[in-house]
Amino acid sequence: MWRPRVEAAQEAIDARYGEGRSVVYLNDEASLTDLPFATVTHLREALQEIAAASDPDEDVAMVYVAGRSNADGTLVAELPPLGLVPLSGPGLAHLLRESGIRWRIVVLEVCDAGRSSKH
């Protein structure tokens, strides 16, 4: 469900800014050999690498996060049998502050796993 959306976002960024300007992490059994897992650790490392290669006064980093949320609002991180740490809003804010990236855009596409589709 999420893979086509993430790939579309990557294609849009690559078309606008050139290939090599986007990084995708995905927890999908179909992509285990193609893409790294979406983990808090991988996100932290990517943000630090992006910050190191960026001009802090000029460059903007965009983070697009898609997935299901837990009842507490954290983003579900699943890739059985691995136990992954969910990503919270405050956790993402901390990772961004920690990276030193000054200018950033955060896009969240999240559905509430605790809600019924019958509203």
N, C-alpha and C. Protein backbone atom coordinates (compact mmCIF):
# COMPACT_ATOMS: atom_id res chain seq x y z
N MET A 1 0.81 -1.19 0.00
CA MET A 1 0.00 0.00 0.00
C MET A 1 0.86 1.26 0.00
N TRP A 2 1.90 1.29 0.79
CA TRP A 2 2.71 2.51 0.92
C TRP A 2 3.79 2.61 -0.14
N ARG A 3 4.27 1.48 -0.63
CA ARG A 3 5.38 1.50 -1.58
C ARG A 3 5.11 2.38 -2.81
N PRO A 4 3.95 2.26 -3.47
CA PRO A 4 3.71 3.12 -4.64
C PRO A 4 3.74 4.61 -4.29
N ARG A 5 3.26 4.97 -3.12
CA ARG A 5 3.25 6.37 -2.72
C ARG A 5 4.66 6.88 -2.45
N VAL A 6 5.43 6.07 -1.79
CA VAL A 6 6.81 6.46 -1.49
C VAL A 6 7.61 6.57 -2.79
N GLU A 7 7.42 5.61 -3.69
CA GLU A 7 8.12 5.64 -4.96
C GLU A 7 7.70 6.86 -5.79
N ALA A 8 6.42 7.22 -5.76
CA ALA A 8 5.95 8.41 -6.49
C ALA A 8 6.59 9.67 -5.93
N ALA A 9 6.71 9.75 -4.63
CA ALA A 9 7.36 10.91 -4.01
C ALA A 9 8.83 10.98 -4.44
N GLN A 10 9.51 9.84 -4.44
CA GLN A 10 10.91 9.81 -4.86
C GLN A 10 11.05 10.22 -6.32
N GLU A 11 10.18 9.72 -7.17
CA GLU A 11 10.22 10.08 -8.59
C GLU A 11 10.02 11.58 -8.79
N ALA A 12 9.11 12.17 -8.03
CA ALA A 12 8.85 13.61 -8.15
C ALA A 12 10.08 14.42 -7.73
N ILE A 13 10.69 14.02 -6.64
CA ILE A 13 11.90 14.73 -6.16
C ILE A 13 13.03 14.56 -7.17
N ASP A 14 13.23 13.33 -7.66
CA ASP A 14 14.30 13.08 -8.63
C ASP A 14 14.07 13.85 -9.94
N ALA A 15 12.81 13.92 -10.38
CA ALA A 15 12.50 14.65 -11.63
C ALA A 15 12.77 16.14 -11.46
N ARG A 16 12.49 16.68 -10.30
CA ARG A 16 12.65 18.12 -10.07
C ARG A 16 14.09 18.51 -9.76
N TYR A 17 14.77 17.68 -8.95
CA TYR A 17 16.09 18.08 -8.44
C TYR A 17 17.23 17.20 -8.92
N GLY A 18 16.94 16.13 -9.66
CA GLY A 18 17.97 15.24 -10.17
C GLY A 18 18.11 14.00 -9.31
N GLU A 19 18.48 12.93 -9.97
CA GLU A 19 18.65 11.66 -9.25
C GLU A 19 19.75 11.78 -8.21
N GLY A 20 19.61 11.00 -7.16
CA GLY A 20 20.59 11.03 -6.09
C GLY A 20 20.28 12.05 -5.02
N ARG A 21 19.13 12.71 -5.13
CA ARG A 21 18.74 13.72 -4.14
C ARG A 21 17.71 13.18 -3.14
N SER A 22 17.39 11.90 -3.26
CA SER A 22 16.39 11.32 -2.37
C SER A 22 16.89 9.98 -1.83
N VAL A 23 16.38 9.64 -0.66
CA VAL A 23 16.71 8.38 -0.01
C VAL A 23 15.39 7.75 0.40
N VAL A 24 15.24 6.46 0.13
CA VAL A 24 14.02 5.76 0.51
C VAL A 24 14.36 4.61 1.44
N TYR A 25 13.63 4.57 2.54
CA TYR A 25 13.66 3.44 3.46
C TYR A 25 12.25 2.89 3.49
N LEU A 26 12.12 1.57 3.41
CA LEU A 26 10.79 0.98 3.31
C LEU A 26 10.75 -0.36 4.02
N ASN A 27 9.73 -0.56 4.80
CA ASN A 27 9.54 -1.85 5.46
C ASN A 27 8.49 -2.63 4.68
N ASP A 28 8.97 -3.36 3.69
CA ASP A 28 8.10 -4.11 2.79
C ASP A 28 8.85 -5.39 2.41
N GLU A 29 8.20 -6.52 2.66
CA GLU A 29 8.87 -7.79 2.37
C GLU A 29 9.31 -7.88 0.91
N ALA A 30 8.58 -7.25 0.01
CA ALA A 30 8.90 -7.30 -1.42
C ALA A 30 10.16 -6.51 -1.77
N SER A 31 10.62 -5.64 -0.87
CA SER A 31 11.77 -4.80 -1.19
C SER A 31 12.99 -5.07 -0.31
N LEU A 32 12.99 -6.20 0.36
CA LEU A 32 14.09 -6.48 1.30
C LEU A 32 15.46 -6.46 0.65
N THR A 33 15.55 -6.85 -0.63
CA THR A 33 16.85 -6.85 -1.29
C THR A 33 17.13 -5.55 -2.04
N ASP A 34 16.11 -4.67 -2.15
CA ASP A 34 16.26 -3.43 -2.91
C ASP A 34 16.49 -2.20 -2.06
N LEU A 35 15.84 -2.15 -0.90
CA LEU A 35 15.84 -0.93 -0.09
C LEU A 35 16.16 -1.24 1.36
N PRO A 36 16.83 -0.31 2.02
CA PRO A 36 17.09 -0.51 3.46
C PRO A 36 15.81 -0.36 4.27
N PHE A 37 15.81 -0.95 5.44
CA PHE A 37 14.67 -0.89 6.35
C PHE A 37 14.45 0.53 6.84
N ALA A 38 13.18 0.86 7.07
CA ALA A 38 12.83 2.15 7.67
C ALA A 38 12.91 2.00 9.18
N THR A 39 13.99 2.49 9.75
CA THR A 39 14.18 2.44 11.20
C THR A 39 14.57 3.83 11.69
N VAL A 40 14.40 4.06 12.96
CA VAL A 40 14.82 5.32 13.55
C VAL A 40 16.32 5.52 13.36
N THR A 41 17.08 4.45 13.51
CA THR A 41 18.54 4.53 13.34
C THR A 41 18.91 4.93 11.91
N HIS A 42 18.27 4.31 10.91
CA HIS A 42 18.57 4.66 9.52
C HIS A 42 18.18 6.11 9.23
N LEU A 43 17.05 6.55 9.77
CA LEU A 43 16.63 7.94 9.57
C LEU A 43 17.63 8.90 10.20
N ARG A 44 18.08 8.61 11.40
CA ARG A 44 19.08 9.46 12.07
C ARG A 44 20.35 9.54 11.23
N GLU A 45 20.84 8.41 10.75
CA GLU A 45 22.06 8.40 9.95
C GLU A 45 21.89 9.17 8.65
N ALA A 46 20.74 9.01 7.99
CA ALA A 46 20.50 9.73 6.74
C ALA A 46 20.45 11.23 6.98
N LEU A 47 19.77 11.66 8.03
CA LEU A 47 19.69 13.09 8.33
C LEU A 47 21.07 13.67 8.64
N GLN A 48 21.89 12.91 9.33
CA GLN A 48 23.25 13.39 9.64
C GLN A 48 24.09 13.50 8.37
N GLU A 49 23.95 12.53 7.45
CA GLU A 49 24.70 12.59 6.19
C GLU A 49 24.21 13.74 5.32
N ILE A 50 22.90 13.94 5.29
CA ILE A 50 22.35 15.05 4.52
C ILE A 50 22.85 16.37 5.07
N ALA A 51 22.83 16.51 6.38
CA ALA A 51 23.31 17.75 7.02
C ALA A 51 24.78 18.00 6.70
N ALA A 52 25.58 16.95 6.71
CA ALA A 52 27.01 17.10 6.44
C ALA A 52 27.28 17.56 5.01
N ALA A 53 26.39 17.19 4.08
CA ALA A 53 26.58 17.53 2.68
C ALA A 53 25.84 18.81 2.28
N SER A 54 25.15 19.43 3.21
CA SER A 54 24.30 20.58 2.90
C SER A 54 24.94 21.90 3.32
N ASP A 55 24.46 22.96 2.68
CA ASP A 55 24.79 24.31 3.11
C ASP A 55 23.68 24.72 4.07
N PRO A 56 23.99 24.87 5.36
CA PRO A 56 22.94 25.13 6.36
C PRO A 56 22.19 26.43 6.14
N ASP A 57 22.75 27.38 5.41
CA ASP A 57 22.07 28.65 5.17
C ASP A 57 21.20 28.63 3.92
N GLU A 58 21.44 27.67 3.03
CA GLU A 58 20.76 27.68 1.74
C GLU A 58 19.87 26.47 1.49
N ASP A 59 20.28 25.29 1.94
CA ASP A 59 19.61 24.05 1.54
C ASP A 59 18.42 23.72 2.44
N VAL A 60 17.44 23.07 1.81
CA VAL A 60 16.23 22.62 2.49
C VAL A 60 16.17 21.11 2.37
N ALA A 61 15.86 20.45 3.47
CA ALA A 61 15.68 19.00 3.46
C ALA A 61 14.20 18.70 3.62
N MET A 62 13.70 17.78 2.82
CA MET A 62 12.31 17.36 2.93
C MET A 62 12.27 15.93 3.42
N VAL A 63 11.45 15.69 4.43
CA VAL A 63 11.27 14.35 4.97
C VAL A 63 9.81 13.98 4.72
N TYR A 64 9.60 12.89 4.00
CA TYR A 64 8.25 12.39 3.71
C TYR A 64 8.12 11.07 4.46
N VAL A 65 7.15 11.01 5.35
CA VAL A 65 6.94 9.82 6.16
C VAL A 65 5.53 9.31 5.88
N ALA A 66 5.41 8.03 5.55
CA ALA A 66 4.11 7.44 5.26
C ALA A 66 3.96 6.13 6.03
N GLY A 67 2.78 5.90 6.54
CA GLY A 67 2.53 4.64 7.22
C GLY A 67 1.33 4.69 8.11
N ARG A 68 1.16 3.65 8.87
CA ARG A 68 0.07 3.52 9.84
C ARG A 68 0.52 4.04 11.18
N SER A 69 -0.42 4.60 11.93
CA SER A 69 -0.07 5.07 13.27
C SER A 69 -0.69 4.17 14.33
N ASN A 70 -0.03 4.13 15.46
CA ASN A 70 -0.57 3.46 16.63
C ASN A 70 -1.60 4.38 17.27
N ALA A 71 -2.34 3.88 18.23
CA ALA A 71 -3.35 4.68 18.93
C ALA A 71 -2.74 5.91 19.61
N ASP A 72 -1.44 5.82 19.99
CA ASP A 72 -0.78 6.94 20.66
C ASP A 72 -0.17 7.95 19.68
N GLY A 73 -0.39 7.74 18.38
CA GLY A 73 0.11 8.67 17.38
C GLY A 73 1.49 8.36 16.84
N THR A 74 2.16 7.36 17.40
CA THR A 74 3.47 6.99 16.86
C THR A 74 3.29 6.24 15.55
N LEU A 75 4.27 6.33 14.69
CA LEU A 75 4.23 5.65 13.41
C LEU A 75 4.65 4.20 13.61
N VAL A 76 3.85 3.29 13.11
CA VAL A 76 4.13 1.87 13.24
C VAL A 76 5.37 1.53 12.44
N ALA A 77 6.27 0.80 13.06
CA ALA A 77 7.48 0.32 12.38
C ALA A 77 7.47 -1.20 12.48
N GLU A 78 7.12 -1.87 11.40
CA GLU A 78 7.01 -3.32 11.42
C GLU A 78 7.82 -3.95 10.30
N LEU A 79 8.48 -5.00 10.61
CA LEU A 79 9.13 -5.85 9.63
C LEU A 79 9.43 -7.17 10.34
N PRO A 80 8.36 -7.97 10.55
CA PRO A 80 8.54 -9.22 11.30
C PRO A 80 9.64 -10.07 10.69
N PRO A 81 10.44 -10.72 11.49
CA PRO A 81 10.33 -10.89 12.93
C PRO A 81 11.07 -9.82 13.72
N LEU A 82 11.55 -8.77 13.07
CA LEU A 82 12.27 -7.72 13.77
C LEU A 82 11.33 -6.88 14.62
N GLY A 83 11.77 -6.49 15.79
CA GLY A 83 11.03 -5.57 16.63
C GLY A 83 11.62 -4.18 16.45
N LEU A 84 10.91 -3.31 15.76
CA LEU A 84 11.42 -1.97 15.46
C LEU A 84 10.75 -0.93 16.35
N VAL A 85 11.49 0.11 16.66
CA VAL A 85 11.00 1.20 17.50
C VAL A 85 10.09 2.09 16.66
N PRO A 86 8.87 2.40 17.15
CA PRO A 86 8.00 3.30 16.40
C PRO A 86 8.55 4.73 16.43
N LEU A 87 8.18 5.53 15.44
CA LEU A 87 8.62 6.91 15.35
C LEU A 87 7.51 7.84 15.83
N SER A 88 7.83 8.68 16.79
CA SER A 88 6.86 9.64 17.31
C SER A 88 7.15 11.02 16.72
N GLY A 89 6.19 11.92 16.83
CA GLY A 89 6.40 13.30 16.41
C GLY A 89 7.56 13.94 17.15
N PRO A 90 7.56 13.86 18.50
CA PRO A 90 8.70 14.41 19.23
C PRO A 90 10.02 13.73 18.87
N GLY A 91 9.96 12.44 18.57
CA GLY A 91 11.18 11.74 18.17
C GLY A 91 11.72 12.24 16.85
N LEU A 92 10.83 12.48 15.88
CA LEU A 92 11.26 13.02 14.60
C LEU A 92 11.80 14.43 14.77
N ALA A 93 11.13 15.24 15.59
CA ALA A 93 11.63 16.60 15.85
C ALA A 93 13.02 16.55 16.47
N HIS A 94 13.24 15.63 17.38
CA HIS A 94 14.56 15.48 18.01
C HIS A 94 15.62 15.11 16.97
N LEU A 95 15.29 14.15 16.08
CA LEU A 95 16.25 13.75 15.05
C LEU A 95 16.60 14.92 14.13
N LEU A 96 15.62 15.73 13.79
CA LEU A 96 15.87 16.89 12.93
C LEU A 96 16.74 17.92 13.64
N ARG A 97 16.43 18.21 14.91
CA ARG A 97 17.27 19.15 15.68
C ARG A 97 18.68 18.61 15.82
N GLU A 98 18.79 17.32 16.14
CA GLU A 98 20.09 16.68 16.34
C GLU A 98 20.95 16.74 15.07
N SER A 99 20.30 16.66 13.90
CA SER A 99 21.04 16.66 12.64
C SER A 99 21.64 18.04 12.34
N GLY A 100 21.00 19.08 12.85
CA GLY A 100 21.47 20.43 12.56
C GLY A 100 20.91 20.99 11.26
N ILE A 101 20.01 20.26 10.62
CA ILE A 101 19.38 20.76 9.39
C ILE A 101 18.46 21.91 9.79
N ARG A 102 18.76 23.07 9.27
CA ARG A 102 18.03 24.28 9.68
C ARG A 102 16.70 24.42 8.96
N TRP A 103 16.70 24.26 7.66
CA TRP A 103 15.51 24.43 6.84
C TRP A 103 14.98 23.06 6.46
N ARG A 104 13.74 22.80 6.82
CA ARG A 104 13.18 21.46 6.57
C ARG A 104 11.68 21.53 6.32
N ILE A 105 11.26 20.60 5.52
CA ILE A 105 9.84 20.39 5.23
C ILE A 105 9.53 18.96 5.66
N VAL A 106 8.49 18.79 6.42
CA VAL A 106 8.08 17.46 6.87
C VAL A 106 6.68 17.20 6.33
N VAL A 107 6.53 16.11 5.60
CA VAL A 107 5.24 15.71 5.06
C VAL A 107 4.90 14.37 5.68
N LEU A 108 3.74 14.30 6.30
CA LEU A 108 3.28 13.07 6.93
C LEU A 108 2.04 12.57 6.20
N GLU A 109 2.07 11.32 5.80
CA GLU A 109 0.89 10.66 5.23
C GLU A 109 0.65 9.44 6.10
N VAL A 110 -0.21 9.61 7.06
CA VAL A 110 -0.39 8.58 8.08
C VAL A 110 -1.86 8.29 8.26
N CYS A 111 -2.20 7.00 8.36
CA CYS A 111 -3.58 6.64 8.68
C CYS A 111 -3.60 6.09 10.10
N ASP A 112 -4.68 6.34 10.79
CA ASP A 112 -4.85 5.91 12.17
C ASP A 112 -5.30 4.47 12.20
N ALA A 113 -4.43 3.59 12.63
CA ALA A 113 -4.73 2.16 12.67
C ALA A 113 -5.83 1.85 13.67
N GLY A 114 -6.05 2.71 14.62
CA GLY A 114 -7.04 2.47 15.65
C GLY A 114 -8.45 2.87 15.26
N ARG A 115 -8.60 3.52 14.12
CA ARG A 115 -9.93 3.99 13.71
C ARG A 115 -10.52 3.08 12.65
N SER A 116 -11.78 2.94 12.73
CA SER A 116 -12.53 2.18 11.73
C SER A 116 -12.71 3.07 10.50
N SER A 117 -12.84 2.45 9.34
CA SER A 117 -13.08 3.22 8.13
C SER A 117 -14.55 3.60 8.01
N LYS A 118 -15.38 3.19 8.97
CA LYS A 118 -16.82 3.48 8.94
C LYS A 118 -17.12 4.68 9.84
N HIS A 119 -16.82 5.88 9.39
CA HIS A 119 -17.13 7.10 10.16
C HIS A 119 -18.24 7.83 9.51
